[in-house]
Amino acid sequence: MSEVQELERFAAHDQHLASRLFGQQNAHLKQIEQALAVRLTSRGSEVLIEGEPLAVALTRRTLEELQSVMEGGYQLYPSDIDYAIRILSADFNAALRTIFLDTVFVSSRKKIISPKSLAQKEYIDAIRQHPVVFGVGPAGTGKTYLAMAMAVSSLLKKEVSRIVLVRPAVEAGEKLGFLPGDLAEKVNPYLRPLYDALYDMLDFEKGQALIERGTIEVAPLAFMRGRTLNDAFVILDEAQNTTAEQMKMFLTRLGFGSRAVITGDVTQIDLPTSRLSGLIQAQKVLSGVKGISFNTFTDRDVVRHPIVQAIVQAYDRAAMTSDL
């Protein structure tokens, strides 16, 4: 027998706001209906919410919080509705304004980059407050992208004088020696995701000019040995593929006025099974060290296409049942 149905009303503060909140031809309301299994009927600036009590309460809370965000000048996109429902499902009392209105950076395409989950908000705050931050979690959770946005923002505000983007060039299925070209050409495919994120924030010409001047450097981890990085924002991506020795080498490169963000996914290690991941060791060795923050992401924080979250969850279930 199904749970008792409940009926509630939500009233937008004005008709103009209601039309933006409800979406063109009520597209946003239909999206909420499907996600929360409720029935929504709009009448002017009001919405009648019908469904099971918990779903009705969550729907009303979602509409209230989205309205508050929009009153702060936020432009609502369909993906934001999914993020809002996900956040409020995990924490009913979460204030979406503090998350969605925390502008990290505005890209050259006038795209506002802001956190889309509680974990992302905590991650951004940690980067602001600590010289060394680890972001650990599955693909699609925004670990590298948000770190890149923070780095570019810091550079443009002159908080740092350069950005250094680093990745380990792990031979995942291919031997570097058999790939064509010189060393730079061989490692370039490993660094491509960092270039992609950079050019998504700065137009290509400006990004290229900063790289040519050395203000932004994109390099394999091996190139960091023996260097001291002063006044720099350093990002180490795919850190699960560092060895313990490489991780220690990287962390000890930091000089005065520098900060580092280390990102990785411990379920995607390409090292030989005999080698310990530097990211896993760092989590054990550096836990509790003052000035270092560890931030963990889960499948709930995936901000790519919804299918990515489903894929991550499916692999997690398979791993738990030893099917992999």
C-alpha atoms as a PDB file:
ATOM      1  CA  MET A   1       0.000   0.000   0.000  1.00  0.00           C
ATOM      2  CA  SER A   2       1.398   3.409  -0.997  1.00  0.00           C
ATOM      3  CA  GLU A   3       2.095   6.143   1.499  1.00  0.00           C
ATOM      4  CA  VAL A   4      -0.552   8.810   2.183  1.00  0.00           C
ATOM      5  CA  GLN A   5      -0.587  11.579  -0.426  1.00  0.00           C
ATOM      6  CA  GLU A   6      -0.003  15.161   0.651  1.00  0.00           C
ATOM      7  CA  LEU A   7      -0.899  18.483  -0.960  1.00  0.00           C
ATOM      8  CA  GLU A   8       1.061  21.732  -0.575  1.00  0.00           C
ATOM      9  CA  ARG A   9       1.289  25.090  -2.337  1.00  0.00           C
ATOM     10  CA  PHE A  10       4.369  27.045  -3.306  1.00  0.00           C
ATOM     11  CA  ALA A  11       4.023  30.705  -4.277  1.00  0.00           C
ATOM     12  CA  ALA A  12       6.737  32.557  -6.171  1.00  0.00           C
ATOM     13  CA  HIS A  13       7.384  36.136  -5.069  1.00  0.00           C
ATOM     14  CA  ASP A  14       6.253  37.605  -8.408  1.00  0.00           C
ATOM     15  CA  GLN A  15       5.065  36.494 -11.824  1.00  0.00           C
ATOM     16  CA  HIS A  16       8.297  37.355 -13.660  1.00  0.00           C
ATOM     17  CA  LEU A  17      10.339  35.277 -11.221  1.00  0.00           C
ATOM     18  CA  ALA A  18       7.772  32.471 -11.434  1.00  0.00           C
ATOM     19  CA  SER A  19       8.081  32.240 -15.220  1.00  0.00           C
ATOM     20  CA  ARG A  20      11.870  31.948 -14.992  1.00  0.00           C
ATOM     21  CA  LEU A  21      11.714  29.462 -12.113  1.00  0.00           C
ATOM     22  CA  PHE A  22       9.068  27.259 -13.715  1.00  0.00           C
ATOM     23  CA  GLY A  23      10.844  27.287 -17.067  1.00  0.00           C
ATOM     24  CA  GLN A  24       9.590  27.715 -20.610  1.00  0.00           C
ATOM     25  CA  GLN A  25       6.326  25.781 -20.901  1.00  0.00           C
ATOM     26  CA  ASN A  26       6.955  24.598 -17.314  1.00  0.00           C
ATOM     27  CA  ALA A  27      10.053  22.648 -18.396  1.00  0.00           C
ATOM     28  CA  HIS A  28      11.737  23.044 -14.991  1.00  0.00           C
ATOM     29  CA  LEU A  29       8.624  21.864 -13.150  1.00  0.00           C
ATOM     30  CA  LYS A  30       8.414  18.808 -15.400  1.00  0.00           C
ATOM     31  CA  GLN A  31      12.051  18.070 -14.612  1.00  0.00           C
ATOM     32  CA  ILE A  32      11.329  18.236 -10.865  1.00  0.00           C
ATOM     33  CA  GLU A  33       8.221  16.062 -11.298  1.00  0.00           C
ATOM     34  CA  GLN A  34      10.258  13.347 -12.948  1.00  0.00           C
ATOM     35  CA  ALA A  35      13.118  13.518 -10.465  1.00  0.00           C
ATOM     36  CA  LEU A  36      11.020  13.501  -7.281  1.00  0.00           C
ATOM     37  CA  ALA A  37       7.935  11.538  -8.423  1.00  0.00           C
ATOM     38  CA  VAL A  38       5.487  14.321  -7.569  1.00  0.00           C
ATOM     39  CA  ARG A  39       2.697  16.020  -9.479  1.00  0.00           C
ATOM     40  CA  LEU A  40       3.052  19.776 -10.040  1.00  0.00           C
ATOM     41  CA  THR A  41       0.272  22.031 -11.279  1.00  0.00           C
ATOM     42  CA  SER A  42       1.054  25.684 -11.937  1.00  0.00           C
ATOM     43  CA  ARG A  43      -1.524  28.435 -11.607  1.00  0.00           C
ATOM     44  CA  GLY A  44      -0.085  31.865 -12.243  1.00  0.00           C
ATOM     45  CA  SER A  45       2.779  32.308  -9.819  1.00  0.00           C
ATOM     46  CA  GLU A  46       1.695  29.346  -7.665  1.00  0.00           C
ATOM     47  CA  VAL A  47       2.456  25.643  -7.861  1.00  0.00           C
ATOM     48  CA  LEU A  48       0.319  22.893  -6.368  1.00  0.00           C
ATOM     49  CA  ILE A  49       2.530  20.027  -5.144  1.00  0.00           C
ATOM     50  CA  GLU A  50       1.018  16.566  -4.757  1.00  0.00           C
ATOM     51  CA  GLY A  51       2.754  13.365  -3.726  1.00  0.00           C
ATOM     52  CA  GLU A  52       4.191  11.425  -0.815  1.00  0.00           C
ATOM     53  CA  PRO A  53       4.987  13.662   2.192  1.00  0.00           C
ATOM     54  CA  LEU A  54       8.792  13.443   1.986  1.00  0.00           C
ATOM     55  CA  ALA A  55       8.818  14.100  -1.753  1.00  0.00           C
ATOM     56  CA  VAL A  56       6.410  17.018  -1.354  1.00  0.00           C
ATOM     57  CA  ALA A  57       8.566  18.574   1.362  1.00  0.00           C
ATOM     58  CA  LEU A  58      11.715  18.171  -0.730  1.00  0.00           C
ATOM     59  CA  THR A  59       9.987  19.661  -3.778  1.00  0.00           C
ATOM     60  CA  ARG A  60       8.846  22.709  -1.848  1.00  0.00           C
ATOM     61  CA  ARG A  61      12.305  23.157  -0.337  1.00  0.00           C
ATOM     62  CA  THR A  62      13.894  22.865  -3.799  1.00  0.00           C
ATOM     63  CA  LEU A  63      11.602  25.532  -5.256  1.00  0.00           C
ATOM     64  CA  GLU A  64      12.202  27.843  -2.291  1.00  0.00           C
ATOM     65  CA  GLU A  65      15.968  27.503  -2.513  1.00  0.00           C
ATOM     66  CA  LEU A  66      16.085  27.895  -6.295  1.00  0.00           C
ATOM     67  CA  GLN A  67      13.961  31.021  -5.994  1.00  0.00           C
ATOM     68  CA  SER A  68      16.379  32.421  -3.412  1.00  0.00           C
ATOM     69  CA  VAL A  69      19.319  31.697  -5.711  1.00  0.00           C
ATOM     70  CA  MET A  70      17.604  33.375  -8.673  1.00  0.00           C
ATOM     71  CA  GLU A  71      16.819  36.446  -6.579  1.00  0.00           C
ATOM     72  CA  GLY A  72      20.579  36.728  -6.086  1.00  0.00           C
ATOM     73  CA  GLY A  73      20.981  37.190  -9.837  1.00  0.00           C
ATOM     74  CA  TYR A  74      21.740  33.574 -10.743  1.00  0.00           C
ATOM     75  CA  GLN A  75      20.725  32.328 -14.191  1.00  0.00           C
ATOM     76  CA  LEU A  76      19.095  28.917 -13.771  1.00  0.00           C
ATOM     77  CA  TYR A  77      19.948  26.049 -16.119  1.00  0.00           C
ATOM     78  CA  PRO A  78      18.316  22.584 -16.235  1.00  0.00           C
ATOM     79  CA  SER A  79      21.491  20.987 -14.833  1.00  0.00           C
ATOM     80  CA  ASP A  80      21.251  23.288 -11.788  1.00  0.00           C
ATOM     81  CA  ILE A  81      17.915  21.717 -10.890  1.00  0.00           C
ATOM     82  CA  ASP A  82      19.527  18.280 -10.796  1.00  0.00           C
ATOM     83  CA  TYR A  83      22.353  19.637  -8.625  1.00  0.00           C
ATOM     84  CA  ALA A  84      19.865  21.346  -6.281  1.00  0.00           C
ATOM     85  CA  ILE A  85      17.819  18.187  -5.798  1.00  0.00           C
ATOM     86  CA  ARG A  86      20.960  16.169  -5.185  1.00  0.00           C
ATOM     87  CA  ILE A  87      22.271  18.651  -2.597  1.00  0.00           C
ATOM     88  CA  LEU A  88      18.977  18.990  -0.727  1.00  0.00           C
ATOM     89  CA  SER A  89      18.395  15.236  -0.778  1.00  0.00           C
ATOM     90  CA  ALA A  90      21.691  14.837   1.076  1.00  0.00           C
ATOM     91  CA  ASP A  91      21.166  17.848   3.369  1.00  0.00           C
ATOM     92  CA  PHE A  92      17.606  19.164   3.555  1.00  0.00           C
ATOM     93  CA  ASN A  93      18.732  22.349   5.318  1.00  0.00           C
ATOM     94  CA  ALA A  94      21.524  23.241   2.886  1.00  0.00           C
ATOM     95  CA  ALA A  95      21.481  26.866   1.725  1.00  0.00           C
ATOM     96  CA  LEU A  96      21.894  26.856  -2.056  1.00  0.00           C
ATOM     97  CA  ARG A  97      22.727  30.578  -2.114  1.00  0.00           C
ATOM     98  CA  THR A  98      26.014  29.962  -0.308  1.00  0.00           C
ATOM     99  CA  ILE A  99      26.910  27.336  -2.904  1.00  0.00           C
ATOM    100  CA  PHE A 100      25.591  28.543  -6.271  1.00  0.00           C
ATOM    101  CA  LEU A 101      26.341  32.240  -5.671  1.00  0.00           C
ATOM    102  CA  ASP A 102      29.976  31.597  -4.710  1.00  0.00           C
ATOM    103  CA  THR A 103      31.508  32.740  -8.000  1.00  0.00           C
ATOM    104  CA  VAL A 104      34.961  31.233  -8.400  1.00  0.00           C
ATOM    105  CA  PHE A 105      35.696  32.670 -11.836  1.00  0.00           C
ATOM    106  CA  VAL A 106      33.972  34.140 -14.876  1.00  0.00           C
ATOM    107  CA  SER A 107      35.428  32.637 -18.056  1.00  0.00           C
ATOM    108  CA  SER A 108      36.203  34.493 -21.274  1.00  0.00           C
ATOM    109  CA  ARG A 109      32.865  33.228 -22.579  1.00  0.00           C
ATOM    110  CA  LYS A 110      31.097  34.932 -19.651  1.00  0.00           C
ATOM    111  CA  LYS A 111      30.436  31.515 -18.127  1.00  0.00           C
ATOM    112  CA  ILE A 112      30.167  31.682 -14.334  1.00  0.00           C
ATOM    113  CA  ILE A 113      32.135  28.916 -12.653  1.00  0.00           C
ATOM    114  CA  SER A 114      30.771  28.102  -9.205  1.00  0.00           C
ATOM    115  CA  PRO A 115      30.475  25.010  -6.970  1.00  0.00           C
ATOM    116  CA  LYS A 116      27.581  22.647  -7.704  1.00  0.00           C
ATOM    117  CA  SER A 117      27.630  20.501  -4.582  1.00  0.00           C
ATOM    118  CA  LEU A 118      28.426  20.747  -0.878  1.00  0.00           C
ATOM    119  CA  ALA A 119      31.699  18.885  -1.428  1.00  0.00           C
ATOM    120  CA  GLN A 120      32.699  21.311  -4.187  1.00  0.00           C
ATOM    121  CA  LYS A 121      31.931  24.282  -1.942  1.00  0.00           C
ATOM    122  CA  GLU A 122      34.050  22.805   0.869  1.00  0.00           C
ATOM    123  CA  TYR A 123      36.831  22.113  -1.664  1.00  0.00           C
ATOM    124  CA  ILE A 124      36.827  25.726  -2.885  1.00  0.00           C
ATOM    125  CA  ASP A 125      36.865  27.033   0.677  1.00  0.00           C
ATOM    126  CA  ALA A 126      39.756  24.699   1.518  1.00  0.00           C
ATOM    127  CA  ILE A 127      41.792  26.026  -1.439  1.00  0.00           C
ATOM    128  CA  ARG A 128      41.210  29.562  -0.174  1.00  0.00           C
ATOM    129  CA  GLN A 129      42.336  28.675   3.343  1.00  0.00           C
ATOM    130  CA  HIS A 130      45.147  26.094   3.002  1.00  0.00           C
ATOM    131  CA  PRO A 131      48.458  26.098   1.110  1.00  0.00           C
ATOM    132  CA  VAL A 132      48.110  22.395   0.196  1.00  0.00           C
ATOM    133  CA  VAL A 133      44.777  20.799  -0.727  1.00  0.00           C
ATOM    134  CA  PHE A 134      44.004  17.267  -1.897  1.00  0.00           C
ATOM    135  CA  GLY A 135      40.851  16.579  -3.918  1.00  0.00           C
ATOM    136  CA  VAL A 136      40.154  12.839  -4.098  1.00  0.00           C
ATOM    137  CA  GLY A 137      37.200  11.253  -5.861  1.00  0.00           C
ATOM    138  CA  PRO A 138      35.740   9.829  -9.072  1.00  0.00           C
ATOM    139  CA  ALA A 139      35.792  11.307 -12.548  1.00  0.00           C
ATOM    140  CA  GLY A 140      33.461  14.177 -13.301  1.00  0.00           C
ATOM    141  CA  THR A 141      33.370  15.722  -9.829  1.00  0.00           C
ATOM    142  CA  GLY A 142      35.088  18.950 -10.892  1.00  0.00           C
ATOM    143  CA  LYS A 143      38.303  18.430  -8.928  1.00  0.00           C
ATOM    144  CA  THR A 144      40.704  19.624 -11.614  1.00  0.00           C
ATOM    145  CA  TYR A 145      38.335  22.087 -13.286  1.00  0.00           C
ATOM    146  CA  LEU A 146      37.625  24.008 -10.079  1.00  0.00           C
ATOM    147  CA  ALA A 147      41.303  23.969  -9.119  1.00  0.00           C
ATOM    148  CA  MET A 148      42.106  25.400 -12.554  1.00  0.00           C
ATOM    149  CA  ALA A 149      39.467  28.116 -12.104  1.00  0.00           C
ATOM    150  CA  MET A 150      40.948  29.035  -8.720  1.00  0.00           C
ATOM    151  CA  ALA A 151      44.435  29.123 -10.248  1.00  0.00           C
ATOM    152  CA  VAL A 152      43.445  31.392 -13.140  1.00  0.00           C
ATOM    153  CA  SER A 153      41.508  33.647 -10.762  1.00  0.00           C
ATOM    154  CA  SER A 154      44.544  33.913  -8.454  1.00  0.00           C
ATOM    155  CA  LEU A 155      46.803  34.746 -11.399  1.00  0.00           C
ATOM    156  CA  LEU A 156      44.518  37.486 -12.743  1.00  0.00           C
ATOM    157  CA  LYS A 157      44.195  38.968  -9.232  1.00  0.00           C
ATOM    158  CA  LYS A 158      48.026  38.924  -9.027  1.00  0.00           C
ATOM    159  CA  GLU A 159      47.927  36.715  -5.932  1.00  0.00           C
ATOM    160  CA  VAL A 160      50.495  34.498  -7.689  1.00  0.00           C
ATOM    161  CA  SER A 161      52.857  35.254 -10.557  1.00  0.00           C
ATOM    162  CA  ARG A 162      52.438  31.985 -12.442  1.00  0.00           C
ATOM    163  CA  ILE A 163      50.529  28.730 -12.776  1.00  0.00           C
ATOM    164  CA  VAL A 164      52.207  25.341 -13.062  1.00  0.00           C
ATOM    165  CA  LEU A 165      50.031  22.448 -14.258  1.00  0.00           C
ATOM    166  CA  VAL A 166      51.542  19.013 -13.768  1.00  0.00           C
ATOM    167  CA  ARG A 167      50.591  15.445 -14.659  1.00  0.00           C
ATOM    168  CA  PRO A 168      52.463  12.146 -14.342  1.00  0.00           C
ATOM    169  CA  ALA A 169      53.063  10.580 -17.771  1.00  0.00           C
ATOM    170  CA  VAL A 170      52.204   7.003 -16.881  1.00  0.00           C
ATOM    171  CA  GLU A 171      52.568   4.382 -19.572  1.00  0.00           C
ATOM    172  CA  ALA A 172      48.949   3.177 -19.405  1.00  0.00           C
ATOM    173  CA  GLY A 173      48.830   0.540 -22.114  1.00  0.00           C
ATOM    174  CA  GLU A 174      51.421   2.199 -24.354  1.00  0.00           C
ATOM    175  CA  LYS A 175      55.182   2.470 -24.050  1.00  0.00           C
ATOM    176  CA  LEU A 176      56.407   6.042 -24.412  1.00  0.00           C
ATOM    177  CA  GLY A 177      59.496   4.851 -26.252  1.00  0.00           C
ATOM    178  CA  PHE A 178      57.400   3.462 -29.085  1.00  0.00           C
ATOM    179  CA  LEU A 179      55.364   6.645 -29.578  1.00  0.00           C
ATOM    180  CA  PRO A 180      56.543   8.972 -32.395  1.00  0.00           C
ATOM    181  CA  GLY A 181      58.269  12.316 -31.801  1.00  0.00           C
ATOM    182  CA  ASP A 182      60.582  13.850 -29.227  1.00  0.00           C
ATOM    183  CA  LEU A 183      59.950  13.778 -25.461  1.00  0.00           C
ATOM    184  CA  ALA A 184      57.668  16.842 -25.498  1.00  0.00           C
ATOM    185  CA  GLU A 185      55.535  15.326 -28.258  1.00  0.00           C
ATOM    186  CA  LYS A 186      55.385  11.987 -26.463  1.00  0.00           C
ATOM    187  CA  VAL A 187      54.082  13.417 -23.184  1.00  0.00           C
ATOM    188  CA  ASN A 188      51.743  15.985 -24.776  1.00  0.00           C
ATOM    189  CA  PRO A 189      48.736  13.586 -24.978  1.00  0.00           C
ATOM    190  CA  TYR A 190      48.951  13.107 -21.193  1.00  0.00           C
ATOM    191  CA  LEU A 191      48.768  16.886 -20.673  1.00  0.00           C
ATOM    192  CA  ARG A 192      45.923  17.528 -23.141  1.00  0.00           C
ATOM    193  CA  PRO A 193      43.135  17.527 -20.480  1.00  0.00           C
ATOM    194  CA  LEU A 194      44.929  20.362 -18.660  1.00  0.00           C
ATOM    195  CA  TYR A 195      45.119  22.416 -21.845  1.00  0.00           C
ATOM    196  CA  ASP A 196      41.425  21.729 -22.510  1.00  0.00           C
ATOM    197  CA  ALA A 197      40.401  23.031 -19.085  1.00  0.00           C
ATOM    198  CA  LEU A 198      42.645  26.065 -19.451  1.00  0.00           C
ATOM    199  CA  TYR A 199      41.263  27.040 -22.868  1.00  0.00           C
ATOM    200  CA  ASP A 200      37.724  26.607 -21.543  1.00  0.00           C
ATOM    201  CA  MET A 201      38.407  29.492 -19.147  1.00  0.00           C
ATOM    202  CA  LEU A 202      40.688  31.750 -21.181  1.00  0.00           C
ATOM    203  CA  ASP A 203      40.304  32.318 -24.899  1.00  0.00           C
ATOM    204  CA  PHE A 204      42.853  30.366 -26.928  1.00  0.00           C
ATOM    205  CA  GLU A 205      44.977  33.387 -27.898  1.00  0.00           C
ATOM    206  CA  LYS A 206      45.312  34.667 -24.319  1.00  0.00           C
ATOM    207  CA  GLY A 207      46.014  31.199 -22.948  1.00  0.00           C
ATOM    208  CA  GLN A 208      48.618  30.550 -25.632  1.00  0.00           C
ATOM    209  CA  ALA A 209      50.285  33.911 -24.971  1.00  0.00           C
ATOM    210  CA  LEU A 210      50.548  33.159 -21.233  1.00  0.00           C
ATOM    211  CA  ILE A 211      52.055  29.744 -21.999  1.00  0.00           C
ATOM    212  CA  GLU A 212      54.573  31.224 -24.451  1.00  0.00           C
ATOM    213  CA  ARG A 213      55.649  33.795 -21.829  1.00  0.00           C
ATOM    214  CA  GLY A 214      56.048  31.067 -19.220  1.00  0.00           C
ATOM    215  CA  THR A 215      53.342  32.558 -16.984  1.00  0.00           C
ATOM    216  CA  ILE A 216      51.448  29.296 -17.372  1.00  0.00           C
ATOM    217  CA  GLU A 217      53.484  26.114 -17.603  1.00  0.00           C
ATOM    218  CA  VAL A 218      52.072  22.698 -18.460  1.00  0.00           C
ATOM    219  CA  ALA A 219      54.576  19.945 -17.811  1.00  0.00           C
ATOM    220  CA  PRO A 220      54.996  16.266 -16.951  1.00  0.00           C
ATOM    221  CA  LEU A 221      55.818  15.517 -13.327  1.00  0.00           C
ATOM    222  CA  ALA A 222      59.339  14.333 -14.191  1.00  0.00           C
ATOM    223  CA  PHE A 223      60.213  17.934 -15.162  1.00  0.00           C
ATOM    224  CA  MET A 224      59.629  19.092 -11.573  1.00  0.00           C
ATOM    225  CA  ARG A 225      62.647  17.339 -10.067  1.00  0.00           C
ATOM    226  CA  GLY A 226      65.262  19.696  -8.656  1.00  0.00           C
ATOM    227  CA  ARG A 227      63.104  22.819  -8.965  1.00  0.00           C
ATOM    228  CA  THR A 228      61.755  25.224  -6.338  1.00  0.00           C
ATOM    229  CA  LEU A 229      58.428  26.844  -7.208  1.00  0.00           C
ATOM    230  CA  ASN A 230      57.995  30.275  -5.631  1.00  0.00           C
ATOM    231  CA  ASP A 231      54.910  32.497  -5.904  1.00  0.00           C
ATOM    232  CA  ALA A 232      53.085  29.860  -7.959  1.00  0.00           C
ATOM    233  CA  PHE A 233      49.736  28.094  -8.028  1.00  0.00           C
ATOM    234  CA  VAL A 234      50.629  24.469  -8.738  1.00  0.00           C
ATOM    235  CA  ILE A 235      48.129  21.761  -9.721  1.00  0.00           C
ATOM    236  CA  LEU A 236      49.089  18.089  -9.784  1.00  0.00           C
ATOM    237  CA  ASP A 237      46.426  16.175 -11.703  1.00  0.00           C
ATOM    238  CA  GLU A 238      45.944  12.376 -11.855  1.00  0.00           C
ATOM    239  CA  ALA A 239      47.987  12.096  -8.660  1.00  0.00           C
ATOM    240  CA  GLN A 240      46.922   8.480  -8.137  1.00  0.00           C
ATOM    241  CA  ASN A 241      49.512   7.632 -10.796  1.00  0.00           C
ATOM    242  CA  THR A 242      52.427   9.099  -8.873  1.00  0.00           C
ATOM    243  CA  THR A 243      54.721   6.801  -6.961  1.00  0.00           C
ATOM    244  CA  ALA A 244      55.377   7.484  -3.278  1.00  0.00           C
ATOM    245  CA  GLU A 245      58.764   8.950  -4.215  1.00  0.00           C
ATOM    246  CA  GLN A 246      57.278  11.205  -6.891  1.00  0.00           C
ATOM    247  CA  MET A 247      54.608  12.541  -4.537  1.00  0.00           C
ATOM    248  CA  LYS A 248      57.211  13.455  -1.911  1.00  0.00           C
ATOM    249  CA  MET A 249      59.360  15.060  -4.613  1.00  0.00           C
ATOM    250  CA  PHE A 250      56.427  17.138  -5.850  1.00  0.00           C
ATOM    251  CA  LEU A 251      55.280  18.321  -2.420  1.00  0.00           C
ATOM    252  CA  THR A 252      58.792  19.423  -1.505  1.00  0.00           C
ATOM    253  CA  ARG A 253      59.031  21.645  -4.637  1.00  0.00           C
ATOM    254  CA  LEU A 254      56.797  24.304  -3.075  1.00  0.00           C
ATOM    255  CA  GLY A 255      58.497  27.591  -2.295  1.00  0.00           C
ATOM    256  CA  PHE A 256      57.448  30.861  -0.655  1.00  0.00           C
ATOM    257  CA  GLY A 257      54.090  32.283  -1.688  1.00  0.00           C
ATOM    258  CA  SER A 258      53.046  29.079  -3.436  1.00  0.00           C
ATOM    259  CA  ARG A 259      50.061  26.821  -3.026  1.00  0.00           C
ATOM    260  CA  ALA A 260      49.318  23.374  -4.405  1.00  0.00           C
ATOM    261  CA  VAL A 261      46.200  21.429  -5.289  1.00  0.00           C
ATOM    262  CA  ILE A 262      46.576  17.680  -5.800  1.00  0.00           C
ATOM    263  CA  THR A 263      43.747  15.792  -7.502  1.00  0.00           C
ATOM    264  CA  GLY A 264      43.188  12.130  -8.190  1.00  0.00           C
ATOM    265  CA  ASP A 265      40.948   9.075  -8.185  1.00  0.00           C
ATOM    266  CA  VAL A 266      42.289   6.114  -6.234  1.00  0.00           C
ATOM    267  CA  THR A 267      40.034   3.729  -8.211  1.00  0.00           C
ATOM    268  CA  GLN A 268      41.850   4.611 -11.462  1.00  0.00           C
ATOM    269  CA  ILE A 269      45.470   3.690 -10.694  1.00  0.00           C
ATOM    270  CA  ASP A 270      47.598   2.777 -13.737  1.00  0.00           C
ATOM    271  CA  LEU A 271      50.790   2.009 -11.830  1.00  0.00           C
ATOM    272  CA  PRO A 272      52.199  -1.540 -11.773  1.00  0.00           C
ATOM    273  CA  THR A 273      50.553  -3.534  -8.962  1.00  0.00           C
ATOM    274  CA  SER A 274      53.875  -3.693  -7.136  1.00  0.00           C
ATOM    275  CA  ARG A 275      54.076   0.110  -6.811  1.00  0.00           C
ATOM    276  CA  LEU A 276      52.260   2.014  -4.048  1.00  0.00           C
ATOM    277  CA  SER A 277      50.313   5.047  -5.231  1.00  0.00           C
ATOM    278  CA  GLY A 278      51.768   8.268  -3.867  1.00  0.00           C
ATOM    279  CA  LEU A 279      48.252   9.617  -3.418  1.00  0.00           C
ATOM    280  CA  ILE A 280      47.206   6.718  -1.187  1.00  0.00           C
ATOM    281  CA  GLN A 281      50.387   7.011   0.868  1.00  0.00           C
ATOM    282  CA  ALA A 282      49.962  10.789   1.210  1.00  0.00           C
ATOM    283  CA  GLN A 283      46.468  10.342   2.626  1.00  0.00           C
ATOM    284  CA  LYS A 284      47.953   8.155   5.379  1.00  0.00           C
ATOM    285  CA  VAL A 285      51.189  10.028   6.036  1.00  0.00           C
ATOM    286  CA  LEU A 286      49.917  13.616   5.869  1.00  0.00           C
ATOM    287  CA  SER A 287      46.566  13.202   7.597  1.00  0.00           C
ATOM    288  CA  GLY A 288      46.373  15.728  10.432  1.00  0.00           C
ATOM    289  CA  VAL A 289      49.287  17.863   9.212  1.00  0.00           C
ATOM    290  CA  LYS A 290      48.430  21.541   9.754  1.00  0.00           C
ATOM    291  CA  GLY A 291      47.987  23.484   6.527  1.00  0.00           C
ATOM    292  CA  ILE A 292      46.994  20.421   4.492  1.00  0.00           C
ATOM    293  CA  SER A 293      43.350  19.710   3.678  1.00  0.00           C
ATOM    294  CA  PHE A 294      41.954  16.444   2.302  1.00  0.00           C
ATOM    295  CA  ASN A 295      38.642  16.759   0.473  1.00  0.00           C
ATOM    296  CA  THR A 296      36.726  13.689  -0.655  1.00  0.00           C
ATOM    297  CA  PHE A 297      34.198  13.524  -3.486  1.00  0.00           C
ATOM    298  CA  THR A 298      31.661  10.775  -4.200  1.00  0.00           C
ATOM    299  CA  ASP A 299      29.365   9.880  -7.091  1.00  0.00           C
ATOM    300  CA  ARG A 300      26.870  12.394  -5.638  1.00  0.00           C
ATOM    301  CA  ASP A 301      29.251  15.160  -6.716  1.00  0.00           C
ATOM    302  CA  VAL A 302      29.505  14.142 -10.390  1.00  0.00           C
ATOM    303  CA  VAL A 303      28.681  17.215 -12.469  1.00  0.00           C
ATOM    304  CA  ARG A 304      29.030  15.792 -15.944  1.00  0.00           C
ATOM    305  CA  HIS A 305      26.226  14.205 -17.968  1.00  0.00           C
ATOM    306  CA  PRO A 306      23.857  12.288 -15.597  1.00  0.00           C
ATOM    307  CA  ILE A 307      24.944   9.024 -17.239  1.00  0.00           C
ATOM    308  CA  VAL A 308      28.432   9.538 -15.757  1.00  0.00           C
ATOM    309  CA  GLN A 309      27.003   9.378 -12.230  1.00  0.00           C
ATOM    310  CA  ALA A 310      25.141   6.181 -13.147  1.00  0.00           C
ATOM    311  CA  ILE A 311      28.346   4.670 -14.577  1.00  0.00           C
ATOM    312  CA  VAL A 312      30.357   5.516 -11.430  1.00  0.00           C
ATOM    313  CA  GLN A 313      27.644   3.999  -9.220  1.00  0.00           C
ATOM    314  CA  ALA A 314      27.468   0.833 -11.335  1.00  0.00           C
ATOM    315  CA  TYR A 315      31.228   0.285 -11.091  1.00  0.00           C
ATOM    316  CA  ASP A 316      31.146   0.935  -7.331  1.00  0.00           C
ATOM    317  CA  ARG A 317      28.401  -1.691  -6.894  1.00  0.00           C
ATOM    318  CA  ALA A 318      30.328  -4.182  -8.998  1.00  0.00           C
ATOM    319  CA  ALA A 319      33.490  -3.589  -6.937  1.00  0.00           C
ATOM    320  CA  MET A 320      31.571  -4.146  -3.682  1.00  0.00           C
ATOM    321  CA  THR A 321      30.187  -7.468  -4.946  1.00  0.00           C
ATOM    322  CA  SER A 322      33.607  -8.577  -6.258  1.00  0.00           C
ATOM    323  CA  ASP A 323      32.360  -8.701  -9.861  1.00  0.00           C
ATOM    324  CA  LEU A 324      35.420  -6.796 -11.015  1.00  0.00           C
END
